[in-house]
Amino acid sequence: MKRMSSLAYHFGVKLRFYPSSKQKKIIKLNYDAQRFVYNSYVGRNRTSYHAKRYLAVKQSNAMPFAFSALNSYEVQLAETVVINHELLAKPKNIRDAYSFLRVKEIDSLALA
């Protein structure tokens, strides 16, 4: 099979589309939903990572037989990890958590 660089001529197709105002609105809605889901996944993964790391360091410093009571910050971190894990498990969960993602114009693949 020949490579494109070995051919004398390169052919391509340029396409340009002109969406209607309704289509522009749907494209923007899907793009915004996709960016929101991506940013929330990144943010939740970061907080989960830091919370797990903090709790691991806290446990490694303590003696294995002595379990100190968690302070309010540590309880909040543990709850955050659990909530984040549940939301990140399936893309459907994030759609159920936020009502504005349940709009029928938003494509399921944009959220996945």
PDB file of N, CA and C in Angstrom:
ATOM      1  N   MET A   1       0.844  -1.174   0.000  1.00  0.00           N
ATOM      2  CA  MET A   1       0.000   0.000   0.000  1.00  0.00           C
ATOM      3  C   MET A   1       0.886   1.233   0.000  1.00  0.00           C
ATOM      4  N   LYS A   2       0.569   2.173  -0.859  1.00  0.00           N
ATOM      5  CA  LYS A   2       1.375   3.389  -0.977  1.00  0.00           C
ATOM      6  C   LYS A   2       0.984   4.389   0.097  1.00  0.00           C
ATOM      7  N   ARG A   3       1.961   5.157   0.464  1.00  0.00           N
ATOM      8  CA  ARG A   3       1.721   6.237   1.421  1.00  0.00           C
ATOM      9  C   ARG A   3       1.367   7.505   0.658  1.00  0.00           C
ATOM     10  N   MET A   4       0.693   8.397   1.334  1.00  0.00           N
ATOM     11  CA  MET A   4       0.305   9.666   0.698  1.00  0.00           C
ATOM     12  C   MET A   4       1.524  10.474   0.294  1.00  0.00           C
ATOM     13  N   SER A   5       2.586  10.414   1.081  1.00  0.00           N
ATOM     14  CA  SER A   5       3.778  11.207   0.775  1.00  0.00           C
ATOM     15  C   SER A   5       4.483  10.727  -0.488  1.00  0.00           C
ATOM     16  N   SER A   6       4.275   9.472  -0.875  1.00  0.00           N
ATOM     17  CA  SER A   6       4.925   8.961  -2.078  1.00  0.00           C
ATOM     18  C   SER A   6       4.144   9.292  -3.349  1.00  0.00           C
ATOM     19  N   LEU A   7       2.907   9.716  -3.229  1.00  0.00           N
ATOM     20  CA  LEU A   7       2.097  10.048  -4.393  1.00  0.00           C
ATOM     21  C   LEU A   7       2.438  11.443  -4.911  1.00  0.00           C
ATOM     22  N   ALA A   8       2.268  11.634  -6.218  1.00  0.00           N
ATOM     23  CA  ALA A   8       2.577  12.926  -6.835  1.00  0.00           C
ATOM     24  C   ALA A   8       1.540  13.972  -6.454  1.00  0.00           C
ATOM     25  N   TYR A   9       0.294  13.571  -6.349  1.00  0.00           N
ATOM     26  CA  TYR A   9      -0.775  14.512  -6.037  1.00  0.00           C
ATOM     27  C   TYR A   9      -1.502  14.053  -4.780  1.00  0.00           C
ATOM     28  N   HIS A  10      -1.925  15.040  -4.012  1.00  0.00           N
ATOM     29  CA  HIS A  10      -2.718  14.761  -2.818  1.00  0.00           C
ATOM     30  C   HIS A  10      -4.108  15.338  -3.058  1.00  0.00           C
ATOM     31  N   PHE A  11      -5.094  14.536  -2.854  1.00  0.00           N
ATOM     32  CA  PHE A  11      -6.463  14.995  -3.027  1.00  0.00           C
ATOM     33  C   PHE A  11      -7.147  15.016  -1.673  1.00  0.00           C
ATOM     34  N   GLY A  12      -7.975  15.993  -1.504  1.00  0.00           N
ATOM     35  CA  GLY A  12      -8.724  16.099  -0.262  1.00  0.00           C
ATOM     36  C   GLY A  12     -10.052  16.778  -0.525  1.00  0.00           C
ATOM     37  N   VAL A  13     -10.856  16.769   0.448  1.00  0.00           N
ATOM     38  CA  VAL A  13     -12.166  17.400   0.342  1.00  0.00           C
ATOM     39  C   VAL A  13     -12.280  18.406   1.466  1.00  0.00           C
ATOM     40  N   LYS A  14     -12.649  19.614   1.102  1.00  0.00           N
ATOM     41  CA  LYS A  14     -12.920  20.630   2.105  1.00  0.00           C
ATOM     42  C   LYS A  14     -14.423  20.761   2.242  1.00  0.00           C
ATOM     43  N   LEU A  15     -14.866  20.691   3.458  1.00  0.00           N
ATOM     44  CA  LEU A  15     -16.297  20.822   3.716  1.00  0.00           C
ATOM     45  C   LEU A  15     -16.530  22.044   4.583  1.00  0.00           C
ATOM     46  N   ARG A  16     -17.611  22.688   4.335  1.00  0.00           N
ATOM     47  CA  ARG A  16     -18.017  23.802   5.164  1.00  0.00           C
ATOM     48  C   ARG A  16     -19.512  23.665   5.378  1.00  0.00           C
ATOM     49  N   PHE A  17     -19.932  23.783   6.582  1.00  0.00           N
ATOM     50  CA  PHE A  17     -21.365  23.664   6.825  1.00  0.00           C
ATOM     51  C   PHE A  17     -21.861  24.934   7.478  1.00  0.00           C
ATOM     52  N   TYR A  18     -23.092  25.239   7.225  1.00  0.00           N
ATOM     53  CA  TYR A  18     -23.736  26.436   7.735  1.00  0.00           C
ATOM     54  C   TYR A  18     -24.955  26.018   8.558  1.00  0.00           C
ATOM     55  N   PRO A  19     -24.759  25.823   9.856  1.00  0.00           N
ATOM     56  CA  PRO A  19     -25.893  25.380  10.669  1.00  0.00           C
ATOM     57  C   PRO A  19     -26.910  26.504  10.852  1.00  0.00           C
ATOM     58  N   SER A  20     -28.148  26.111  10.983  1.00  0.00           N
ATOM     59  CA  SER A  20     -29.202  27.082  11.268  1.00  0.00           C
ATOM     60  C   SER A  20     -29.061  27.532  12.725  1.00  0.00           C
ATOM     61  N   SER A  21     -29.820  28.519  13.105  1.00  0.00           N
ATOM     62  CA  SER A  21     -29.722  29.027  14.478  1.00  0.00           C
ATOM     63  C   SER A  21     -30.137  27.953  15.489  1.00  0.00           C
ATOM     64  N   LYS A  22     -31.111  27.119  15.123  1.00  0.00           N
ATOM     65  CA  LYS A  22     -31.525  26.026  16.014  1.00  0.00           C
ATOM     66  C   LYS A  22     -30.404  25.003  16.176  1.00  0.00           C
ATOM     67  N   GLN A  23     -29.742  24.676  15.071  1.00  0.00           N
ATOM     68  CA  GLN A  23     -28.628  23.729  15.121  1.00  0.00           C
ATOM     69  C   GLN A  23     -27.452  24.297  15.904  1.00  0.00           C
ATOM     70  N   LYS A  24     -27.191  25.595  15.745  1.00  0.00           N
ATOM     71  CA  LYS A  24     -26.118  26.241  16.523  1.00  0.00           C
ATOM     72  C   LYS A  24     -26.397  26.139  18.017  1.00  0.00           C
ATOM     73  N   LYS A  25     -27.666  26.331  18.367  1.00  0.00           N
ATOM     74  CA  LYS A  25     -28.052  26.252  19.781  1.00  0.00           C
ATOM     75  C   LYS A  25     -27.825  24.836  20.323  1.00  0.00           C
ATOM     76  N   ILE A  26     -28.191  23.820  19.536  1.00  0.00           N
ATOM     77  CA  ILE A  26     -28.018  22.429  19.965  1.00  0.00           C
ATOM     78  C   ILE A  26     -26.536  22.078  20.061  1.00  0.00           C
ATOM     79  N   ILE A  27     -25.735  22.550  19.103  1.00  0.00           N
ATOM     80  CA  ILE A  27     -24.286  22.288  19.127  1.00  0.00           C
ATOM     81  C   ILE A  27     -23.666  22.913  20.366  1.00  0.00           C
ATOM     82  N   LYS A  28     -24.044  24.157  20.660  1.00  0.00           N
ATOM     83  CA  LYS A  28     -23.494  24.836  21.839  1.00  0.00           C
ATOM     84  C   LYS A  28     -23.928  24.145  23.121  1.00  0.00           C
ATOM     85  N   LEU A  29     -25.179  23.725  23.185  1.00  0.00           N
ATOM     86  CA  LEU A  29     -25.700  23.045  24.369  1.00  0.00           C
ATOM     87  C   LEU A  29     -24.939  21.747  24.628  1.00  0.00           C
ATOM     88  N   ASN A  30     -24.726  20.966  23.575  1.00  0.00           N
ATOM     89  CA  ASN A  30     -23.989  19.711  23.715  1.00  0.00           C
ATOM     90  C   ASN A  30     -22.537  19.955  24.096  1.00  0.00           C
ATOM     91  N   TYR A  31     -21.914  20.953  23.496  1.00  0.00           N
ATOM     92  CA  TYR A  31     -20.521  21.249  23.812  1.00  0.00           C
ATOM     93  C   TYR A  31     -20.379  21.706  25.257  1.00  0.00           C
ATOM     94  N   ASP A  32     -21.270  22.583  25.698  1.00  0.00           N
ATOM     95  CA  ASP A  32     -21.212  23.060  27.084  1.00  0.00           C
ATOM     96  C   ASP A  32     -21.433  21.925  28.084  1.00  0.00           C
ATOM     97  N   ALA A  33     -22.363  21.030  27.767  1.00  0.00           N
ATOM     98  CA  ALA A  33     -22.609  19.885  28.656  1.00  0.00           C
ATOM     99  C   ALA A  33     -21.385  18.984  28.706  1.00  0.00           C
ATOM    100  N   GLN A  34     -20.768  18.778  27.552  1.00  0.00           N
ATOM    101  CA  GLN A  34     -19.570  17.935  27.493  1.00  0.00           C
ATOM    102  C   GLN A  34     -18.436  18.545  28.315  1.00  0.00           C
ATOM    103  N   ARG A  35     -18.223  19.844  28.198  1.00  0.00           N
ATOM    104  CA  ARG A  35     -17.171  20.504  28.969  1.00  0.00           C
ATOM    105  C   ARG A  35     -17.464  20.444  30.467  1.00  0.00           C
ATOM    106  N   PHE A  36     -18.744  20.620  30.846  1.00  0.00           N
ATOM    107  CA  PHE A  36     -19.106  20.552  32.257  1.00  0.00           C
ATOM    108  C   PHE A  36     -18.804  19.174  32.822  1.00  0.00           C
ATOM    109  N   VAL A  37     -19.192  18.127  32.096  1.00  0.00           N
ATOM    110  CA  VAL A  37     -18.970  16.763  32.570  1.00  0.00           C
ATOM    111  C   VAL A  37     -17.472  16.493  32.680  1.00  0.00           C
ATOM    112  N   TYR A  38     -16.719  16.904  31.671  1.00  0.00           N
ATOM    113  CA  TYR A  38     -15.266  16.687  31.699  1.00  0.00           C
ATOM    114  C   TYR A  38     -14.636  17.400  32.889  1.00  0.00           C
ATOM    115  N   ASN A  39     -14.974  18.677  33.067  1.00  0.00           N
ATOM    116  CA  ASN A  39     -14.386  19.443  34.174  1.00  0.00           C
ATOM    117  C   ASN A  39     -14.807  18.895  35.526  1.00  0.00           C
ATOM    118  N   SER A  40     -16.043  18.429  35.638  1.00  0.00           N
ATOM    119  CA  SER A  40     -16.461  17.875  36.926  1.00  0.00           C
ATOM    120  C   SER A  40     -15.740  16.557  37.208  1.00  0.00           C
ATOM    121  N   TYR A  41     -15.508  15.735  36.175  1.00  0.00           N
ATOM    122  CA  TYR A  41     -14.758  14.495  36.365  1.00  0.00           C
ATOM    123  C   TYR A  41     -13.328  14.799  36.797  1.00  0.00           C
ATOM    124  N   VAL A  42     -12.711  15.768  36.151  1.00  0.00           N
ATOM    125  CA  VAL A  42     -11.332  16.124  36.511  1.00  0.00           C
ATOM    126  C   VAL A  42     -11.284  16.644  37.941  1.00  0.00           C
ATOM    127  N   GLY A  43     -12.211  17.525  38.285  1.00  0.00           N
ATOM    128  CA  GLY A  43     -12.234  18.081  39.640  1.00  0.00           C
ATOM    129  C   GLY A  43     -12.496  17.028  40.696  1.00  0.00           C
ATOM    130  N   ARG A  44     -13.424  16.140  40.412  1.00  0.00           N
ATOM    131  CA  ARG A  44     -13.745  15.085  41.383  1.00  0.00           C
ATOM    132  C   ARG A  44     -12.595  14.099  41.533  1.00  0.00           C
ATOM    133  N   ASN A  45     -11.930  13.787  40.440  1.00  0.00           N
ATOM    134  CA  ASN A  45     -10.770  12.896  40.533  1.00  0.00           C
ATOM    135  C   ASN A  45      -9.653  13.537  41.339  1.00  0.00           C
ATOM    136  N   ARG A  46      -9.447  14.829  41.159  1.00  0.00           N
ATOM    137  CA  ARG A  46      -8.405  15.520  41.924  1.00  0.00           C
ATOM    138  C   ARG A  46      -8.716  15.531  43.416  1.00  0.00           C
ATOM    139  N   THR A  47      -9.972  15.865  43.758  1.00  0.00           N
ATOM    140  CA  THR A  47     -10.305  15.898  45.183  1.00  0.00           C
ATOM    141  C   THR A  47     -10.244  14.499  45.788  1.00  0.00           C
ATOM    142  N   SER A  48     -10.675  13.497  45.044  1.00  0.00           N
ATOM    143  CA  SER A  48     -10.588  12.123  45.553  1.00  0.00           C
ATOM    144  C   SER A  48      -9.141  11.710  45.767  1.00  0.00           C
ATOM    145  N   TYR A  49      -8.294  12.058  44.811  1.00  0.00           N
ATOM    146  CA  TYR A  49      -6.875  11.713  44.919  1.00  0.00           C
ATOM    147  C   TYR A  49      -6.255  12.362  46.151  1.00  0.00           C
ATOM    148  N   HIS A  50      -6.499  13.658  46.337  1.00  0.00           N
ATOM    149  CA  HIS A  50      -5.902  14.354  47.483  1.00  0.00           C
ATOM    150  C   HIS A  50      -6.492  13.874  48.802  1.00  0.00           C
ATOM    151  N   ALA A  51      -7.788  13.571  48.811  1.00  0.00           N
ATOM    152  CA  ALA A  51      -8.408  13.082  50.043  1.00  0.00           C
ATOM    153  C   ALA A  51      -7.857  11.713  50.411  1.00  0.00           C
ATOM    154  N   LYS A  52      -7.757  10.821  49.436  1.00  0.00           N
ATOM    155  CA  LYS A  52      -7.209   9.488  49.718  1.00  0.00           C
ATOM    156  C   LYS A  52      -5.760   9.583  50.168  1.00  0.00           C
ATOM    157  N   ARG A  53      -5.017  10.461  49.533  1.00  0.00           N
ATOM    158  CA  ARG A  53      -3.605  10.628  49.901  1.00  0.00           C
ATOM    159  C   ARG A  53      -3.478  11.166  51.331  1.00  0.00           C
ATOM    160  N   TYR A  54      -4.311  12.155  51.663  1.00  0.00           N
ATOM    161  CA  TYR A  54      -4.280  12.725  53.009  1.00  0.00           C
ATOM    162  C   TYR A  54      -4.636  11.671  54.042  1.00  0.00           C
ATOM    163  N   LEU A  55      -5.692  10.906  53.768  1.00  0.00           N
ATOM    164  CA  LEU A  55      -6.114   9.889  54.727  1.00  0.00           C
ATOM    165  C   LEU A  55      -5.080   8.770  54.842  1.00  0.00           C
ATOM    166  N   ALA A  56      -4.398   8.437  53.743  1.00  0.00           N
ATOM    167  CA  ALA A  56      -3.358   7.403  53.794  1.00  0.00           C
ATOM    168  C   ALA A  56      -2.171   7.868  54.635  1.00  0.00           C
ATOM    169  N   VAL A  57      -1.778   9.128  54.469  1.00  0.00           N
ATOM    170  CA  VAL A  57      -0.668   9.669  55.273  1.00  0.00           C
ATOM    171  C   VAL A  57      -1.068   9.711  56.738  1.00  0.00           C
ATOM    172  N   LYS A  58      -2.304  10.109  56.989  1.00  0.00           N
ATOM    173  CA  LYS A  58      -2.797  10.180  58.370  1.00  0.00           C
ATOM    174  C   LYS A  58      -2.777   8.792  59.016  1.00  0.00           C
ATOM    175  N   GLN A  59      -3.173   7.754  58.276  1.00  0.00           N
ATOM    176  CA  GLN A  59      -3.198   6.410  58.835  1.00  0.00           C
ATOM    177  C   GLN A  59      -1.796   5.839  59.002  1.00  0.00           C
ATOM    178  N   SER A  60      -0.876   6.184  58.110  1.00  0.00           N
ATOM    179  CA  SER A  60       0.468   5.625  58.207  1.00  0.00           C
ATOM    180  C   SER A  60       1.236   6.201  59.396  1.00  0.00           C
ATOM    181  N   ASN A  61       0.902   7.421  59.803  1.00  0.00           N
ATOM    182  CA  ASN A  61       1.582   8.031  60.943  1.00  0.00           C
ATOM    183  C   ASN A  61       1.104   7.445  62.264  1.00  0.00           C
ATOM    184  N   ALA A  62      -0.128   6.996  62.306  1.00  0.00           N
ATOM    185  CA  ALA A  62      -0.664   6.436  63.545  1.00  0.00           C
ATOM    186  C   ALA A  62      -0.191   5.002  63.719  1.00  0.00           C
ATOM    187  N   MET A  63      -0.170   4.562  64.926  1.00  0.00           N
ATOM    188  CA  MET A  63       0.180   3.168  65.197  1.00  0.00           C
ATOM    189  C   MET A  63      -0.976   2.281  64.752  1.00  0.00           C
ATOM    190  N   PRO A  64      -0.687   1.108  64.256  1.00  0.00           N
ATOM    191  CA  PRO A  64      -1.764   0.280  63.704  1.00  0.00           C
ATOM    192  C   PRO A  64      -2.827  -0.119  64.715  1.00  0.00           C
ATOM    193  N   PHE A  65      -2.478  -0.210  65.984  1.00  0.00           N
ATOM    194  CA  PHE A  65      -3.463  -0.631  66.978  1.00  0.00           C
ATOM    195  C   PHE A  65      -4.232   0.549  67.573  1.00  0.00           C
ATOM    196  N   ALA A  66      -3.794   1.761  67.294  1.00  0.00           N
ATOM    197  CA  ALA A  66      -4.457   2.942  67.852  1.00  0.00           C
ATOM    198  C   ALA A  66      -5.233   3.647  66.742  1.00  0.00           C
ATOM    199  N   PHE A  67      -6.544   3.624  66.835  1.00  0.00           N
ATOM    200  CA  PHE A  67      -7.376   4.292  65.835  1.00  0.00           C
ATOM    201  C   PHE A  67      -7.938   5.554  66.472  1.00  0.00           C
ATOM    202  N   SER A  68      -7.398   6.676  66.067  1.00  0.00           N
ATOM    203  CA  SER A  68      -7.885   7.939  66.613  1.00  0.00           C
ATOM    204  C   SER A  68      -9.190   8.314  65.919  1.00  0.00           C
ATOM    205  N   ALA A  69     -10.012   9.060  66.607  1.00  0.00           N
ATOM    206  CA  ALA A  69     -11.283   9.502  66.026  1.00  0.00           C
ATOM    207  C   ALA A  69     -10.999  10.523  64.937  1.00  0.00           C
ATOM    208  N   LEU A  70     -11.778  10.464  63.877  1.00  0.00           N
ATOM    209  CA  LEU A  70     -11.602  11.407  62.764  1.00  0.00           C
ATOM    210  C   LEU A  70     -12.170  12.770  63.159  1.00  0.00           C
ATOM    211  N   ASN A  71     -11.425  13.815  62.809  1.00  0.00           N
ATOM    212  CA  ASN A  71     -11.967  15.145  63.046  1.00  0.00           C
ATOM    213  C   ASN A  71     -12.949  15.492  61.931  1.00  0.00           C
ATOM    214  N   SER A  72     -13.575  16.663  62.021  1.00  0.00           N
ATOM    215  CA  SER A  72     -14.633  17.015  61.060  1.00  0.00           C
ATOM    216  C   SER A  72     -14.102  17.131  59.640  1.00  0.00           C
ATOM    217  N   TYR A  73     -12.866  17.617  59.466  1.00  0.00           N
ATOM    218  CA  TYR A  73     -12.271  17.736  58.134  1.00  0.00           C
ATOM    219  C   TYR A  73     -12.086  16.361  57.499  1.00  0.00           C
ATOM    220  N   GLU A  74     -11.608  15.402  58.282  1.00  0.00           N
ATOM    221  CA  GLU A  74     -11.381  14.051  57.765  1.00  0.00           C
ATOM    222  C   GLU A  74     -12.697  13.351  57.436  1.00  0.00           C
ATOM    223  N   VAL A  75     -13.726  13.591  58.235  1.00  0.00           N
ATOM    224  CA  VAL A  75     -15.044  13.021  57.950  1.00  0.00           C
ATOM    225  C   VAL A  75     -15.574  13.587  56.635  1.00  0.00           C
ATOM    226  N   GLN A  76     -15.397  14.896  56.448  1.00  0.00           N
ATOM    227  CA  GLN A  76     -15.833  15.537  55.203  1.00  0.00           C
ATOM    228  C   GLN A  76     -15.065  14.978  54.009  1.00  0.00           C
ATOM    229  N   LEU A  77     -13.774  14.754  54.160  1.00  0.00           N
ATOM    230  CA  LEU A  77     -12.979  14.167  53.077  1.00  0.00           C
ATOM    231  C   LEU A  77     -13.455  12.763  52.733  1.00  0.00           C
ATOM    232  N   ALA A  78     -13.724  11.971  53.738  1.00  0.00           N
ATOM    233  CA  ALA A  78     -14.190  10.604  53.496  1.00  0.00           C
ATOM    234  C   ALA A  78     -15.541  10.606  52.783  1.00  0.00           C
ATOM    235  N   GLU A  79     -16.440  11.497  53.193  1.00  0.00           N
ATOM    236  CA  GLU A  79     -17.732  11.605  52.521  1.00  0.00           C
ATOM    237  C   GLU A  79     -17.571  12.050  51.077  1.00  0.00           C
ATOM    238  N   THR A  80     -16.640  12.968  50.831  1.00  0.00           N
ATOM    239  CA  THR A  80     -16.370  13.446  49.474  1.00  0.00           C
ATOM    240  C   THR A  80     -15.880  12.313  48.590  1.00  0.00           C
ATOM    241  N   VAL A  81     -15.004  11.483  49.110  1.00  0.00           N
ATOM    242  CA  VAL A  81     -14.484  10.353  48.337  1.00  0.00           C
ATOM    243  C   VAL A  81     -15.615   9.399  47.970  1.00  0.00           C
ATOM    244  N   VAL A  82     -16.499   9.110  48.908  1.00  0.00           N
ATOM    245  CA  VAL A  82     -17.603   8.193  48.644  1.00  0.00           C
ATOM    246  C   VAL A  82     -18.558   8.775  47.602  1.00  0.00           C
ATOM    247  N   ILE A  83     -18.916  10.043  47.752  1.00  0.00           N
ATOM    248  CA  ILE A  83     -19.834  10.692  46.807  1.00  0.00           C
ATOM    249  C   ILE A  83     -19.212  10.750  45.421  1.00  0.00           C
ATOM    250  N   ASN A  84     -17.928  11.117  45.348  1.00  0.00           N
ATOM    251  CA  ASN A  84     -17.251  11.198  44.056  1.00  0.00           C
ATOM    252  C   ASN A  84     -17.184   9.837  43.385  1.00  0.00           C
ATOM    253  N   HIS A  85     -16.919   8.809  44.160  1.00  0.00           N
ATOM    254  CA  HIS A  85     -16.834   7.470  43.586  1.00  0.00           C
ATOM    255  C   HIS A  85     -18.178   7.038  43.000  1.00  0.00           C
ATOM    256  N   GLU A  86     -19.256   7.360  43.686  1.00  0.00           N
ATOM    257  CA  GLU A  86     -20.590   6.998  43.190  1.00  0.00           C
ATOM    258  C   GLU A  86     -20.936   7.761  41.918  1.00  0.00           C
ATOM    259  N   LEU A  87     -20.587   9.056  41.872  1.00  0.00           N
ATOM    260  CA  LEU A  87     -20.911   9.855  40.701  1.00  0.00           C
ATOM    261  C   LEU A  87     -20.056   9.490  39.498  1.00  0.00           C
ATOM    262  N   LEU A  88     -18.814   9.115  39.729  1.00  0.00           N
ATOM    263  CA  LEU A  88     -17.915   8.810  38.621  1.00  0.00           C
ATOM    264  C   LEU A  88     -18.069   7.385  38.118  1.00  0.00           C
ATOM    265  N   ALA A  89     -18.832   6.564  38.815  1.00  0.00           N
ATOM    266  CA  ALA A  89     -18.952   5.160  38.429  1.00  0.00           C
ATOM    267  C   ALA A  89     -19.591   5.003  37.051  1.00  0.00           C
ATOM    268  N   LYS A  90     -20.637   5.763  36.759  1.00  0.00           N
ATOM    269  CA  LYS A  90     -21.328   5.668  35.477  1.00  0.00           C
ATOM    270  C   LYS A  90     -21.686   7.068  34.996  1.00  0.00           C
ATOM    271  N   PRO A  91     -21.645   7.307  33.685  1.00  0.00           N
ATOM    272  CA  PRO A  91     -22.040   8.624  33.181  1.00  0.00           C
ATOM    273  C   PRO A  91     -23.504   8.954  33.477  1.00  0.00           C
ATOM    274  N   LYS A  92     -24.333   7.919  33.610  1.00  0.00           N
ATOM    275  CA  LYS A  92     -25.751   8.146  33.906  1.00  0.00           C
ATOM    276  C   LYS A  92     -25.925   8.804  35.276  1.00  0.00           C
ATOM    277  N   ASN A  93     -25.044   8.488  36.202  1.00  0.00           N
ATOM    278  CA  ASN A  93     -25.165   9.034  37.557  1.00  0.00           C
ATOM    279  C   ASN A  93     -25.005  10.543  37.569  1.00  0.00           C
ATOM    280  N   ILE A  94     -24.109  11.063  36.739  1.00  0.00           N
ATOM    281  CA  ILE A  94     -23.900  12.510  36.737  1.00  0.00           C
ATOM    282  C   ILE A  94     -25.094  13.204  36.099  1.00  0.00           C
ATOM    283  N   ARG A  95     -25.741  12.540  35.135  1.00  0.00           N
ATOM    284  CA  ARG A  95     -26.945  13.108  34.531  1.00  0.00           C
ATOM    285  C   ARG A  95     -28.076  13.168  35.563  1.00  0.00           C
ATOM    286  N   ASP A  96     -28.152  12.168  36.418  1.00  0.00           N
ATOM    287  CA  ASP A  96     -29.192  12.164  37.446  1.00  0.00           C
ATOM    288  C   ASP A  96     -28.909  13.193  38.539  1.00  0.00           C
ATOM    289  N   ALA A  97     -27.641  13.502  38.768  1.00  0.00           N
ATOM    290  CA  ALA A  97     -27.275  14.436  39.842  1.00  0.00           C
ATOM    291  C   ALA A  97     -27.564  15.887  39.470  1.00  0.00           C
ATOM    292  N   TYR A  98     -27.465  16.216  38.198  1.00  0.00           N
ATOM    293  CA  TYR A  98     -27.661  17.603  37.755  1.00  0.00           C
ATOM    294  C   TYR A  98     -28.852  17.657  36.806  1.00  0.00           C
ATOM    295  N   SER A  99     -29.848  18.444  37.172  1.00  0.00           N
ATOM    296  CA  SER A  99     -31.088  18.476  36.396  1.00  0.00           C
ATOM    297  C   SER A  99     -30.906  19.120  35.024  1.00  0.00           C
ATOM    298  N   PHE A 100     -29.982  20.056  34.873  1.00  0.00           N
ATOM    299  CA  PHE A 100     -29.823  20.719  33.576  1.00  0.00           C
ATOM    300  C   PHE A 100     -29.192  19.805  32.529  1.00  0.00           C
ATOM    301  N   LEU A 101     -28.639  18.661  32.928  1.00  0.00           N
ATOM    302  CA  LEU A 101     -28.110  17.704  31.964  1.00  0.00           C
ATOM    303  C   LEU A 101     -29.182  16.751  31.447  1.00  0.00           C
ATOM    304  N   ARG A 102     -30.400  16.854  31.981  1.00  0.00           N
ATOM    305  CA  ARG A 102     -31.482  15.962  31.561  1.00  0.00           C
ATOM    306  C   ARG A 102     -32.279  16.517  30.385  1.00  0.00           C
ATOM    307  N   VAL A 103     -31.817  17.611  29.788  1.00  0.00           N
ATOM    308  CA  VAL A 103     -32.502  18.189  28.639  1.00  0.00           C
ATOM    309  C   VAL A 103     -32.448  17.203  27.484  1.00  0.00           C
ATOM    310  N   LYS A 104     -33.538  17.072  26.757  1.00  0.00           N
ATOM    311  CA  LYS A 104     -33.614  16.042  25.735  1.00  0.00           C
ATOM    312  C   LYS A 104     -32.703  16.332  24.541  1.00  0.00           C
ATOM    313  N   GLU A 105     -32.307  17.593  24.298  1.00  0.00           N
ATOM    314  CA  GLU A 105     -31.436  17.930  23.172  1.00  0.00           C
ATOM    315  C   GLU A 105     -29.984  17.496  23.404  1.00  0.00           C
ATOM    316  N   ILE A 106     -29.617  17.233  24.656  1.00  0.00           N
ATOM    317  CA  ILE A 106     -28.242  16.831  24.945  1.00  0.00           C
ATOM    318  C   ILE A 106     -28.072  15.359  24.589  1.00  0.00           C
ATOM    319  N   ASP A 107     -27.099  15.092  23.761  1.00  0.00           N
ATOM    320  CA  ASP A 107     -26.842  13.745  23.285  1.00  0.00           C
ATOM    321  C   ASP A 107     -26.187  12.915  24.400  1.00  0.00           C
ATOM    322  N   SER A 108     -26.565  11.653  24.481  1.00  0.00           N
ATOM    323  CA  SER A 108     -26.003  10.792  25.519  1.00  0.00           C
ATOM    324  C   SER A 108     -24.513  10.557  25.298  1.00  0.00           C
ATOM    325  N   LEU A 109     -24.060  10.558  24.057  1.00  0.00           N
ATOM    326  CA  LEU A 109     -22.632  10.369  23.788  1.00  0.00           C
ATOM    327  C   LEU A 109     -21.808  11.578  24.195  1.00  0.00           C
ATOM    328  N   ALA A 110     -22.407  12.754  24.211  1.00  0.00           N
ATOM    329  CA  ALA A 110     -21.689  13.935  24.679  1.00  0.00           C
ATOM    330  C   ALA A 110     -21.389  13.817  26.164  1.00  0.00           C
ATOM    331  N   LEU A 111     -22.287  13.174  26.893  1.00  0.00           N
ATOM    332  CA  LEU A 111     -22.069  12.993  28.330  1.00  0.00           C
ATOM    333  C   LEU A 111     -21.169  11.802  28.625  1.00  0.00           C
ATOM    334  N   ALA A 112     -21.175  10.821  27.749  1.00  0.00           N
ATOM    335  CA  ALA A 112     -20.375   9.633  27.979  1.00  0.00           C
ATOM    336  C   ALA A 112     -18.927   9.921  27.650  1.00  0.00           C
TER     337      ALA A 112
END
